[in-house]
């Protein structure tokens, strides 16, 4: 499997966003249409073709002060406009660990 950080050929099969990690605390962030970063997925700029994705990714890579490791990720957009992660990797990044934490002794 190719790392999302090594995206050379960009193929978009549906709505996508650019995501990264905030530099000072590692929180998952999403590139916004206002050319900033937000921890709120609902504020993410959505792209729908590879040219838009390449442009948004290039802009995001250039902003290495606000976030590191940007890459394109799929999303699902509901009929109500709500944006949800488009794959398991992004669901895990958004919600955290997938197993219960050990009990405190």
PDB file of N, CA and C in Angstrom:
ATOM      1  N   UNK A   1       0.842  -1.187   0.000  1.00  0.00           N
ATOM      2  CA  UNK A   1       0.000   0.000   0.000  1.00  0.00           C
ATOM      3  C   UNK A   1       0.883   1.244   0.000  1.00  0.00           C
ATOM      4  N   UNK A   2       0.561   2.188  -0.820  1.00  0.00           N
ATOM      5  CA  UNK A   2       1.320   3.427  -0.911  1.00  0.00           C
ATOM      6  C   UNK A   2       0.896   4.383   0.193  1.00  0.00           C
ATOM      7  N   UNK A   3       1.868   5.002   0.809  1.00  0.00           N
ATOM      8  CA  UNK A   3       1.583   5.989   1.840  1.00  0.00           C
ATOM      9  C   UNK A   3       0.853   7.169   1.224  1.00  0.00           C
ATOM     10  N   UNK A   4      -0.147   7.723   1.921  1.00  0.00           N
ATOM     11  CA  UNK A   4      -0.832   8.894   1.387  1.00  0.00           C
ATOM     12  C   UNK A   4       0.106  10.091   1.263  1.00  0.00           C
ATOM     13  N   UNK A   5       1.244  10.052   1.969  1.00  0.00           N
ATOM     14  CA  UNK A   5       2.193  11.159   1.899  1.00  0.00           C
ATOM     15  C   UNK A   5       3.008  11.134   0.612  1.00  0.00           C
ATOM     16  N   UNK A   6       2.916  10.051  -0.154  1.00  0.00           N
ATOM     17  CA  UNK A   6       3.661   9.911  -1.396  1.00  0.00           C
ATOM     18  C   UNK A   6       2.725   9.945  -2.598  1.00  0.00           C
ATOM     19  N   UNK A   7       1.709  10.773  -2.545  1.00  0.00           N
ATOM     20  CA  UNK A   7       0.735  10.843  -3.619  1.00  0.00           C
ATOM     21  C   UNK A   7       1.326  11.549  -4.828  1.00  0.00           C
ATOM     22  N   UNK A   8       1.662  10.785  -5.850  1.00  0.00           N
ATOM     23  CA  UNK A   8       2.208  11.339  -7.086  1.00  0.00           C
ATOM     24  C   UNK A   8       1.097  11.476  -8.127  1.00  0.00           C
ATOM     25  N   UNK A   9       0.443  10.369  -8.411  1.00  0.00           N
ATOM     26  CA  UNK A   9      -0.684  10.369  -9.338  1.00  0.00           C
ATOM     27  C   UNK A   9      -1.942  10.484  -8.501  1.00  0.00           C
ATOM     28  N   UNK A  10      -2.666  11.534  -8.725  1.00  0.00           N
ATOM     29  CA  UNK A  10      -3.855  11.773  -7.914  1.00  0.00           C
ATOM     30  C   UNK A  10      -5.087  11.367  -8.709  1.00  0.00           C
ATOM     31  N   UNK A  11      -5.811  10.397  -8.148  1.00  0.00           N
ATOM     32  CA  UNK A  11      -7.035   9.910  -8.773  1.00  0.00           C
ATOM     33  C   UNK A  11      -8.171  10.170  -7.789  1.00  0.00           C
ATOM     34  N   UNK A  12      -9.131  10.937  -8.201  1.00  0.00           N
ATOM     35  CA  UNK A  12     -10.256  11.284  -7.329  1.00  0.00           C
ATOM     36  C   UNK A  12     -11.486  10.514  -7.803  1.00  0.00           C
ATOM     37  N   UNK A  13     -12.092   9.747  -6.884  1.00  0.00           N
ATOM     38  CA  UNK A  13     -13.274   8.960  -7.235  1.00  0.00           C
ATOM     39  C   UNK A  13     -14.534   9.528  -6.596  1.00  0.00           C
ATOM     40  N   UNK A  14     -14.417  10.670  -5.985  1.00  0.00           N
ATOM     41  CA  UNK A  14     -15.551  11.288  -5.310  1.00  0.00           C
ATOM     42  C   UNK A  14     -15.067  12.480  -4.520  1.00  0.00           C
ATOM     43  N   UNK A  15     -15.900  13.039  -3.678  1.00  0.00           N
ATOM     44  CA  UNK A  15     -15.491  14.211  -2.906  1.00  0.00           C
ATOM     45  C   UNK A  15     -14.291  13.876  -2.011  1.00  0.00           C
ATOM     46  N   UNK A  16     -13.351  14.819  -1.950  1.00  0.00           N
ATOM     47  CA  UNK A  16     -12.132  14.618  -1.170  1.00  0.00           C
ATOM     48  C   UNK A  16     -11.747  15.914  -0.476  1.00  0.00           C
ATOM     49  N   UNK A  17     -10.871  15.782   0.510  1.00  0.00           N
ATOM     50  CA  UNK A  17     -10.368  16.922   1.274  1.00  0.00           C
ATOM     51  C   UNK A  17      -8.866  16.766   1.434  1.00  0.00           C
ATOM     52  N   UNK A  18      -8.209  17.786   1.962  1.00  0.00           N
ATOM     53  CA  UNK A  18      -6.809  17.676   2.349  1.00  0.00           C
ATOM     54  C   UNK A  18      -6.767  17.710   3.866  1.00  0.00           C
ATOM     55  N   UNK A  19      -6.071  16.736   4.437  1.00  0.00           N
ATOM     56  CA  UNK A  19      -5.938  16.632   5.877  1.00  0.00           C
ATOM     57  C   UNK A  19      -4.466  16.559   6.250  1.00  0.00           C
ATOM     58  N   UNK A  20      -4.156  16.928   7.476  1.00  0.00           N
ATOM     59  CA  UNK A  20      -2.776  16.925   7.972  1.00  0.00           C
ATOM     60  C   UNK A  20      -2.821  16.889   9.498  1.00  0.00           C
ATOM     61  N   UNK A  21      -1.674  17.112  10.111  1.00  0.00           N
ATOM     62  CA  UNK A  21      -1.608  17.226  11.562  1.00  0.00           C
ATOM     63  C   UNK A  21      -1.064  18.605  11.925  1.00  0.00           C
ATOM     64  N   UNK A  22      -1.698  19.245  12.898  1.00  0.00           N
ATOM     65  CA  UNK A  22      -1.275  20.573  13.335  1.00  0.00           C
ATOM     66  C   UNK A  22       0.123  20.474  13.943  1.00  0.00           C
ATOM     67  N   UNK A  23       0.976  21.426  13.630  1.00  0.00           N
ATOM     68  CA  UNK A  23       2.383  21.329  14.021  1.00  0.00           C
ATOM     69  C   UNK A  23       2.612  21.375  15.530  1.00  0.00           C
ATOM     70  N   UNK A  24       1.884  22.168  16.266  1.00  0.00           N
ATOM     71  CA  UNK A  24       2.220  22.339  17.672  1.00  0.00           C
ATOM     72  C   UNK A  24       1.596  21.312  18.615  1.00  0.00           C
ATOM     73  N   UNK A  25       0.558  20.580  18.178  1.00  0.00           N
ATOM     74  CA  UNK A  25      -0.017  19.586  19.088  1.00  0.00           C
ATOM     75  C   UNK A  25      -0.407  18.271  18.415  1.00  0.00           C
ATOM     76  N   UNK A  26      -0.231  18.168  17.101  1.00  0.00           N
ATOM     77  CA  UNK A  26      -0.503  16.920  16.397  1.00  0.00           C
ATOM     78  C   UNK A  26      -1.962  16.628  16.101  1.00  0.00           C
ATOM     79  N   UNK A  27      -2.852  17.526  16.450  1.00  0.00           N
ATOM     80  CA  UNK A  27      -4.280  17.330  16.210  1.00  0.00           C
ATOM     81  C   UNK A  27      -4.548  17.220  14.709  1.00  0.00           C
ATOM     82  N   UNK A  28      -5.474  16.356  14.324  1.00  0.00           N
ATOM     83  CA  UNK A  28      -5.891  16.224  12.927  1.00  0.00           C
ATOM     84  C   UNK A  28      -6.592  17.512  12.508  1.00  0.00           C
ATOM     85  N   UNK A  29      -6.156  18.067  11.373  1.00  0.00           N
ATOM     86  CA  UNK A  29      -6.759  19.290  10.847  1.00  0.00           C
ATOM     87  C   UNK A  29      -7.087  19.117   9.371  1.00  0.00           C
ATOM     88  N   UNK A  30      -7.956  19.987   8.881  1.00  0.00           N
ATOM     89  CA  UNK A  30      -8.444  19.930   7.511  1.00  0.00           C
ATOM     90  C   UNK A  30      -8.255  21.297   6.859  1.00  0.00           C
ATOM     91  N   UNK A  31      -7.838  21.293   5.591  1.00  0.00           N
ATOM     92  CA  UNK A  31      -7.629  22.549   4.867  1.00  0.00           C
ATOM     93  C   UNK A  31      -8.986  23.167   4.555  1.00  0.00           C
ATOM     94  N   UNK A  32      -9.110  24.467   4.790  1.00  0.00           N
ATOM     95  CA  UNK A  32     -10.366  25.170   4.561  1.00  0.00           C
ATOM     96  C   UNK A  32     -10.310  25.966   3.255  1.00  0.00           C
ATOM     97  N   UNK A  33     -11.460  26.383   2.785  1.00  0.00           N
ATOM     98  CA  UNK A  33     -11.535  27.208   1.573  1.00  0.00           C
ATOM     99  C   UNK A  33     -10.888  28.566   1.793  1.00  0.00           C
ATOM    100  N   UNK A  34     -10.793  28.994   3.054  1.00  0.00           N
ATOM    101  CA  UNK A  34     -10.177  30.278   3.390  1.00  0.00           C
ATOM    102  C   UNK A  34      -8.656  30.164   3.503  1.00  0.00           C
ATOM    103  N   UNK A  35      -8.096  29.021   3.054  1.00  0.00           N
ATOM    104  CA  UNK A  35      -6.655  28.767   3.047  1.00  0.00           C
ATOM    105  C   UNK A  35      -6.057  28.669   4.442  1.00  0.00           C
ATOM    106  N   UNK A  36      -6.854  28.201   5.368  1.00  0.00           N
ATOM    107  CA  UNK A  36      -6.386  27.974   6.728  1.00  0.00           C
ATOM    108  C   UNK A  36      -6.571  26.510   7.085  1.00  0.00           C
ATOM    109  N   UNK A  37      -6.442  26.214   8.368  1.00  0.00           N
ATOM    110  CA  UNK A  37      -6.620  24.858   8.880  1.00  0.00           C
ATOM    111  C   UNK A  37      -7.672  24.874   9.973  1.00  0.00           C
ATOM    112  N   UNK A  38      -8.471  23.824  10.039  1.00  0.00           N
ATOM    113  CA  UNK A  38      -9.500  23.711  11.072  1.00  0.00           C
ATOM    114  C   UNK A  38      -9.547  22.275  11.575  1.00  0.00           C
ATOM    115  N   UNK A  39      -9.796  22.115  12.859  1.00  0.00           N
ATOM    116  CA  UNK A  39      -9.979  20.782  13.436  1.00  0.00           C
ATOM    117  C   UNK A  39     -11.392  20.271  13.203  1.00  0.00           C
ATOM    118  N   UNK A  40     -12.244  21.113  12.631  1.00  0.00           N
ATOM    119  CA  UNK A  40     -13.643  20.772  12.368  1.00  0.00           C
ATOM    120  C   UNK A  40     -13.806  20.308  10.926  1.00  0.00           C
ATOM    121  N   UNK A  41     -14.125  19.033  10.725  1.00  0.00           N
ATOM    122  CA  UNK A  41     -14.269  18.472   9.385  1.00  0.00           C
ATOM    123  C   UNK A  41     -15.315  19.212   8.559  1.00  0.00           C
ATOM    124  N   UNK A  42     -16.332  19.761   9.202  1.00  0.00           N
ATOM    125  CA  UNK A  42     -17.390  20.462   8.456  1.00  0.00           C
ATOM    126  C   UNK A  42     -16.881  21.738   7.784  1.00  0.00           C
ATOM    127  N   UNK A  43     -15.714  22.218   8.166  1.00  0.00           N
ATOM    128  CA  UNK A  43     -15.142  23.426   7.579  1.00  0.00           C
ATOM    129  C   UNK A  43     -14.156  23.117   6.449  1.00  0.00           C
ATOM    130  N   UNK A  44     -13.949  21.846   6.143  1.00  0.00           N
ATOM    131  CA  UNK A  44     -12.971  21.451   5.123  1.00  0.00           C
ATOM    132  C   UNK A  44     -13.406  21.866   3.724  1.00  0.00           C
ATOM    133  N   UNK A  45     -12.438  22.271   2.921  1.00  0.00           N
ATOM    134  CA  UNK A  45     -12.683  22.559   1.504  1.00  0.00           C
ATOM    135  C   UNK A  45     -12.803  21.226   0.778  1.00  0.00           C
ATOM    136  N   UNK A  46     -13.864  21.058   0.021  1.00  0.00           N
ATOM    137  CA  UNK A  46     -14.098  19.806  -0.701  1.00  0.00           C
ATOM    138  C   UNK A  46     -13.709  19.994  -2.165  1.00  0.00           C
ATOM    139  N   UNK A  47     -12.929  19.042  -2.677  1.00  0.00           N
ATOM    140  CA  UNK A  47     -12.558  19.031  -4.098  1.00  0.00           C
ATOM    141  C   UNK A  47     -13.210  17.822  -4.747  1.00  0.00           C
ATOM    142  N   UNK A  48     -13.461  17.936  -6.054  1.00  0.00           N
ATOM    143  CA  UNK A  48     -14.176  16.856  -6.737  1.00  0.00           C
ATOM    144  C   UNK A  48     -13.472  16.354  -7.996  1.00  0.00           C
ATOM    145  N   UNK A  49     -12.294  16.899  -8.289  1.00  0.00           N
ATOM    146  CA  UNK A  49     -11.527  16.367  -9.423  1.00  0.00           C
ATOM    147  C   UNK A  49     -10.034  16.489  -9.120  1.00  0.00           C
ATOM    148  N   UNK A  50      -9.226  15.823  -9.913  1.00  0.00           N
ATOM    149  CA  UNK A  50      -7.797  15.753  -9.609  1.00  0.00           C
ATOM    150  C   UNK A  50      -7.085  17.101  -9.744  1.00  0.00           C
ATOM    151  N   UNK A  51      -7.518  17.950 -10.650  1.00  0.00           N
ATOM    152  CA  UNK A  51      -6.884  19.273 -10.777  1.00  0.00           C
ATOM    153  C   UNK A  51      -7.112  20.113  -9.523  1.00  0.00           C
ATOM    154  N   UNK A  52      -8.346  20.112  -9.017  1.00  0.00           N
ATOM    155  CA  UNK A  52      -8.644  20.841  -7.773  1.00  0.00           C
ATOM    156  C   UNK A  52      -7.859  20.244  -6.611  1.00  0.00           C
ATOM    157  N   UNK A  53      -7.769  18.924  -6.576  1.00  0.00           N
ATOM    158  CA  UNK A  53      -7.056  18.243  -5.495  1.00  0.00           C
ATOM    159  C   UNK A  53      -5.574  18.590  -5.515  1.00  0.00           C
ATOM    160  N   UNK A  54      -4.970  18.584  -6.701  1.00  0.00           N
ATOM    161  CA  UNK A  54      -3.545  18.925  -6.822  1.00  0.00           C
ATOM    162  C   UNK A  54      -3.286  20.352  -6.353  1.00  0.00           C
ATOM    163  N   UNK A  55      -4.162  21.273  -6.736  1.00  0.00           N
ATOM    164  CA  UNK A  55      -3.998  22.672  -6.343  1.00  0.00           C
ATOM    165  C   UNK A  55      -4.125  22.841  -4.828  1.00  0.00           C
ATOM    166  N   UNK A  56      -5.126  22.213  -4.236  1.00  0.00           N
ATOM    167  CA  UNK A  56      -5.323  22.322  -2.793  1.00  0.00           C
ATOM    168  C   UNK A  56      -4.174  21.663  -2.035  1.00  0.00           C
ATOM    169  N   UNK A  57      -3.692  20.537  -2.532  1.00  0.00           N
ATOM    170  CA  UNK A  57      -2.572  19.854  -1.884  1.00  0.00           C
ATOM    171  C   UNK A  57      -1.303  20.693  -1.981  1.00  0.00           C
ATOM    172  N   UNK A  58      -1.022  21.270  -3.152  1.00  0.00           N
ATOM    173  CA  UNK A  58       0.176  22.104  -3.314  1.00  0.00           C
ATOM    174  C   UNK A  58       0.145  23.299  -2.368  1.00  0.00           C
ATOM    175  N   UNK A  59      -1.014  23.933  -2.254  1.00  0.00           N
ATOM    176  CA  UNK A  59      -1.190  25.062  -1.343  1.00  0.00           C
ATOM    177  C   UNK A  59      -0.954  24.619   0.104  1.00  0.00           C
ATOM    178  N   UNK A  60      -1.432  23.436   0.437  1.00  0.00           N
ATOM    179  CA  UNK A  60      -1.311  22.910   1.800  1.00  0.00           C
ATOM    180  C   UNK A  60       0.131  22.542   2.140  1.00  0.00           C
ATOM    181  N   UNK A  61       0.841  21.941   1.190  1.00  0.00           N
ATOM    182  CA  UNK A  61       2.246  21.581   1.395  1.00  0.00           C
ATOM    183  C   UNK A  61       3.078  22.840   1.624  1.00  0.00           C
ATOM    184  N   UNK A  62       2.770  23.909   0.908  1.00  0.00           N
ATOM    185  CA  UNK A  62       3.506  25.166   1.053  1.00  0.00           C
ATOM    186  C   UNK A  62       3.312  25.781   2.439  1.00  0.00           C
ATOM    187  N   UNK A  63       2.200  25.480   3.089  1.00  0.00           N
ATOM    188  CA  UNK A  63       1.916  26.012   4.429  1.00  0.00           C
ATOM    189  C   UNK A  63       2.422  25.027   5.484  1.00  0.00           C
ATOM    190  N   UNK A  64       3.747  24.873   5.562  1.00  0.00           N
ATOM    191  CA  UNK A  64       4.304  23.906   6.502  1.00  0.00           C
ATOM    192  C   UNK A  64       4.482  24.468   7.909  1.00  0.00           C
ATOM    193  N   UNK A  65       4.013  25.683   8.141  1.00  0.00           N
ATOM    194  CA  UNK A  65       4.062  26.253   9.486  1.00  0.00           C
ATOM    195  C   UNK A  65       2.838  25.818  10.281  1.00  0.00           C
ATOM    196  N   UNK A  66       1.668  25.802   9.642  1.00  0.00           N
ATOM    197  CA  UNK A  66       0.430  25.474  10.333  1.00  0.00           C
ATOM    198  C   UNK A  66       0.180  23.991  10.512  1.00  0.00           C
ATOM    199  N   UNK A  67       0.627  23.187   9.545  1.00  0.00           N
ATOM    200  CA  UNK A  67       0.353  21.752   9.602  1.00  0.00           C
ATOM    201  C   UNK A  67       1.429  20.990   8.832  1.00  0.00           C
ATOM    202  N   UNK A  68       1.610  19.725   9.203  1.00  0.00           N
ATOM    203  CA  UNK A  68       2.608  18.896   8.534  1.00  0.00           C
ATOM    204  C   UNK A  68       1.964  17.633   7.970  1.00  0.00           C
ATOM    205  N   UNK A  69       2.568  17.125   6.907  1.00  0.00           N
ATOM    206  CA  UNK A  69       2.117  15.861   6.316  1.00  0.00           C
ATOM    207  C   UNK A  69       0.778  15.913   5.625  1.00  0.00           C
ATOM    208  N   UNK A  70       0.454  16.963   4.868  1.00  0.00           N
ATOM    209  CA  UNK A  70      -0.856  17.009   4.217  1.00  0.00           C
ATOM    210  C   UNK A  70      -0.989  15.958   3.127  1.00  0.00           C
ATOM    211  N   UNK A  71      -2.191  15.436   2.993  1.00  0.00           N
ATOM    212  CA  UNK A  71      -2.498  14.496   1.915  1.00  0.00           C
ATOM    213  C   UNK A  71      -3.989  14.541   1.618  1.00  0.00           C
ATOM    214  N   UNK A  72      -4.351  13.999   0.474  1.00  0.00           N
ATOM    215  CA  UNK A  72      -5.748  13.988   0.029  1.00  0.00           C
ATOM    216  C   UNK A  72      -6.445  12.764   0.611  1.00  0.00           C
ATOM    217  N   UNK A  73      -7.641  12.968   1.131  1.00  0.00           N
ATOM    218  CA  UNK A  73      -8.411  11.876   1.719  1.00  0.00           C
ATOM    219  C   UNK A  73      -9.857  11.942   1.231  1.00  0.00           C
ATOM    220  N   UNK A  74     -10.468  10.793   1.035  1.00  0.00           N
ATOM    221  CA  UNK A  74     -11.866  10.781   0.585  1.00  0.00           C
ATOM    222  C   UNK A  74     -12.823  11.137   1.722  1.00  0.00           C
ATOM    223  N   UNK A  75     -13.937  11.734   1.354  1.00  0.00           N
ATOM    224  CA  UNK A  75     -15.012  12.005   2.309  1.00  0.00           C
ATOM    225  C   UNK A  75     -16.336  11.615   1.679  1.00  0.00           C
ATOM    226  N   UNK A  76     -17.339  11.503   2.526  1.00  0.00           N
ATOM    227  CA  UNK A  76     -18.707  11.297   2.070  1.00  0.00           C
ATOM    228  C   UNK A  76     -19.490  12.543   2.448  1.00  0.00           C
ATOM    229  N   UNK A  77     -20.316  13.008   1.523  1.00  0.00           N
ATOM    230  CA  UNK A  77     -21.151  14.175   1.800  1.00  0.00           C
ATOM    231  C   UNK A  77     -22.594  13.698   1.767  1.00  0.00           C
ATOM    232  N   UNK A  78     -23.270  13.809   2.910  1.00  0.00           N
ATOM    233  CA  UNK A  78     -24.653  13.374   3.013  1.00  0.00           C
ATOM    234  C   UNK A  78     -25.601  14.300   2.283  1.00  0.00           C
ATOM    235  N   UNK A  79     -26.836  13.865   2.125  1.00  0.00           N
ATOM    236  CA  UNK A  79     -27.861  14.692   1.482  1.00  0.00           C
ATOM    237  C   UNK A  79     -28.076  16.001   2.229  1.00  0.00           C
ATOM    238  N   UNK A  80     -27.806  15.979   3.536  1.00  0.00           N
ATOM    239  CA  UNK A  80     -27.952  17.174   4.358  1.00  0.00           C
ATOM    240  C   UNK A  80     -26.699  18.051   4.340  1.00  0.00           C
ATOM    241  N   UNK A  81     -25.659  17.628   3.585  1.00  0.00           N
ATOM    242  CA  UNK A  81     -24.423  18.393   3.489  1.00  0.00           C
ATOM    243  C   UNK A  81     -23.382  18.037   4.529  1.00  0.00           C
ATOM    244  N   UNK A  82     -23.724  17.133   5.432  1.00  0.00           N
ATOM    245  CA  UNK A  82     -22.788  16.746   6.483  1.00  0.00           C
ATOM    246  C   UNK A  82     -21.625  15.958   5.879  1.00  0.00           C
ATOM    247  N   UNK A  83     -20.403  16.316   6.287  1.00  0.00           N
ATOM    248  CA  UNK A  83     -19.197  15.674   5.771  1.00  0.00           C
ATOM    249  C   UNK A  83     -18.739  14.611   6.768  1.00  0.00           C
ATOM    250  N   UNK A  84     -18.483  13.401   6.243  1.00  0.00           N
ATOM    251  CA  UNK A  84     -18.004  12.290   7.062  1.00  0.00           C
ATOM    252  C   UNK A  84     -16.746  11.709   6.427  1.00  0.00           C
ATOM    253  N   UNK A  85     -15.849  11.124   7.235  1.00  0.00           N
ATOM    254  CA  UNK A  85     -14.667  10.478   6.669  1.00  0.00           C
ATOM    255  C   UNK A  85     -15.079   9.412   5.656  1.00  0.00           C
ATOM    256  N   UNK A  86     -14.294   9.275   4.588  1.00  0.00           N
ATOM    257  CA  UNK A  86     -14.645   8.361   3.513  1.00  0.00           C
ATOM    258  C   UNK A  86     -14.010   6.992   3.593  1.00  0.00           C
ATOM    259  N   UNK A  87     -13.142   6.773   4.583  1.00  0.00           N
ATOM    260  CA  UNK A  87     -12.545   5.449   4.738  1.00  0.00           C
ATOM    261  C   UNK A  87     -12.183   5.202   6.202  1.00  0.00           C
ATOM    262  N   UNK A  88     -11.813   3.979   6.504  1.00  0.00           N
ATOM    263  CA  UNK A  88     -11.521   3.590   7.886  1.00  0.00           C
ATOM    264  C   UNK A  88     -10.353   4.369   8.466  1.00  0.00           C
ATOM    265  N   UNK A  89      -9.296   4.570   7.682  1.00  0.00           N
ATOM    266  CA  UNK A  89      -8.133   5.314   8.164  1.00  0.00           C
ATOM    267  C   UNK A  89      -8.550   6.681   8.696  1.00  0.00           C
ATOM    268  N   UNK A  90      -9.368   7.392   7.935  1.00  0.00           N
ATOM    269  CA  UNK A  90      -9.769   8.737   8.342  1.00  0.00           C
ATOM    270  C   UNK A  90     -10.759   8.709   9.510  1.00  0.00           C
ATOM    271  N   UNK A  91     -11.578   7.671   9.591  1.00  0.00           N
ATOM    272  CA  UNK A  91     -12.463   7.532  10.754  1.00  0.00           C
ATOM    273  C   UNK A  91     -11.630   7.372  12.021  1.00  0.00           C
ATOM    274  N   UNK A  92     -10.590   6.556  11.945  1.00  0.00           N
ATOM    275  CA  UNK A  92      -9.726   6.339  13.106  1.00  0.00           C
ATOM    276  C   UNK A  92      -8.978   7.618  13.463  1.00  0.00           C
ATOM    277  N   UNK A  93      -8.439   8.309  12.477  1.00  0.00           N
ATOM    278  CA  UNK A  93      -7.721   9.564  12.760  1.00  0.00           C
ATOM    279  C   UNK A  93      -8.644  10.575  13.428  1.00  0.00           C
ATOM    280  N   UNK A  94      -9.896  10.585  13.037  1.00  0.00           N
ATOM    281  CA  UNK A  94     -10.841  11.563  13.580  1.00  0.00           C
ATOM    282  C   UNK A  94     -11.308  11.208  14.987  1.00  0.00           C
ATOM    283  N   UNK A  95     -11.526   9.919  15.245  1.00  0.00           N
ATOM    284  CA  UNK A  95     -12.117   9.538  16.528  1.00  0.00           C
ATOM    285  C   UNK A  95     -11.137   8.939  17.513  1.00  0.00           C
ATOM    286  N   UNK A  96      -9.959   8.566  17.080  1.00  0.00           N
ATOM    287  CA  UNK A  96      -8.968   8.022  18.009  1.00  0.00           C
ATOM    288  C   UNK A  96      -8.904   6.508  17.989  1.00  0.00           C
ATOM    289  N   UNK A  97      -8.467   5.936  19.092  1.00  0.00           N
ATOM    290  CA  UNK A  97      -8.200   4.511  19.167  1.00  0.00           C
ATOM    291  C   UNK A  97      -9.451   3.682  18.901  1.00  0.00           C
ATOM    292  N   UNK A  98      -9.232   2.443  18.446  1.00  0.00           N
ATOM    293  CA  UNK A  98     -10.347   1.585  18.071  1.00  0.00           C
ATOM    294  C   UNK A  98     -10.604   0.478  19.093  1.00  0.00           C
ATOM    295  N   UNK A  99      -9.941   0.557  20.235  1.00  0.00           N
ATOM    296  CA  UNK A  99     -10.139  -0.453  21.268  1.00  0.00           C
ATOM    297  C   UNK A  99     -10.226   0.244  22.618  1.00  0.00           C
ATOM    298  N   UNK A 100     -10.773  -0.457  23.595  1.00  0.00           N
ATOM    299  CA  UNK A 100     -10.907   0.112  24.921  1.00  0.00           C
ATOM    300  C   UNK A 100      -9.573   0.279  25.609  1.00  0.00           C
ATOM    301  N   UNK A 101      -9.442   1.308  26.393  1.00  0.00           N
ATOM    302  CA  UNK A 101      -8.222   1.548  27.162  1.00  0.00           C
ATOM    303  C   UNK A 101      -8.203   0.655  28.398  1.00  0.00           C
ATOM    304  N   UNK A 102      -7.018   0.239  28.850  1.00  0.00           N
ATOM    305  CA  UNK A 102      -6.950  -0.567  30.066  1.00  0.00           C
ATOM    306  C   UNK A 102      -7.494   0.215  31.268  1.00  0.00           C
ATOM    307  N   UNK A 103      -8.091  -0.507  32.187  1.00  0.00           N
ATOM    308  CA  UNK A 103      -8.648   0.126  33.379  1.00  0.00           C
ATOM    309  C   UNK A 103      -7.510   0.661  34.259  1.00  0.00           C
ATOM    310  N   UNK A 104      -7.764   1.788  34.914  1.00  0.00           N
ATOM    311  CA  UNK A 104      -6.795   2.357  35.847  1.00  0.00           C
ATOM    312  C   UNK A 104      -6.780   1.527  37.120  1.00  0.00           C
ATOM    313  N   UNK A 105      -5.603   1.234  37.627  1.00  0.00           N
ATOM    314  CA  UNK A 105      -5.484   0.443  38.866  1.00  0.00           C
ATOM    315  C   UNK A 105      -5.297   1.347  40.038  1.00  0.00           C
TER     316      UNK A 105
END
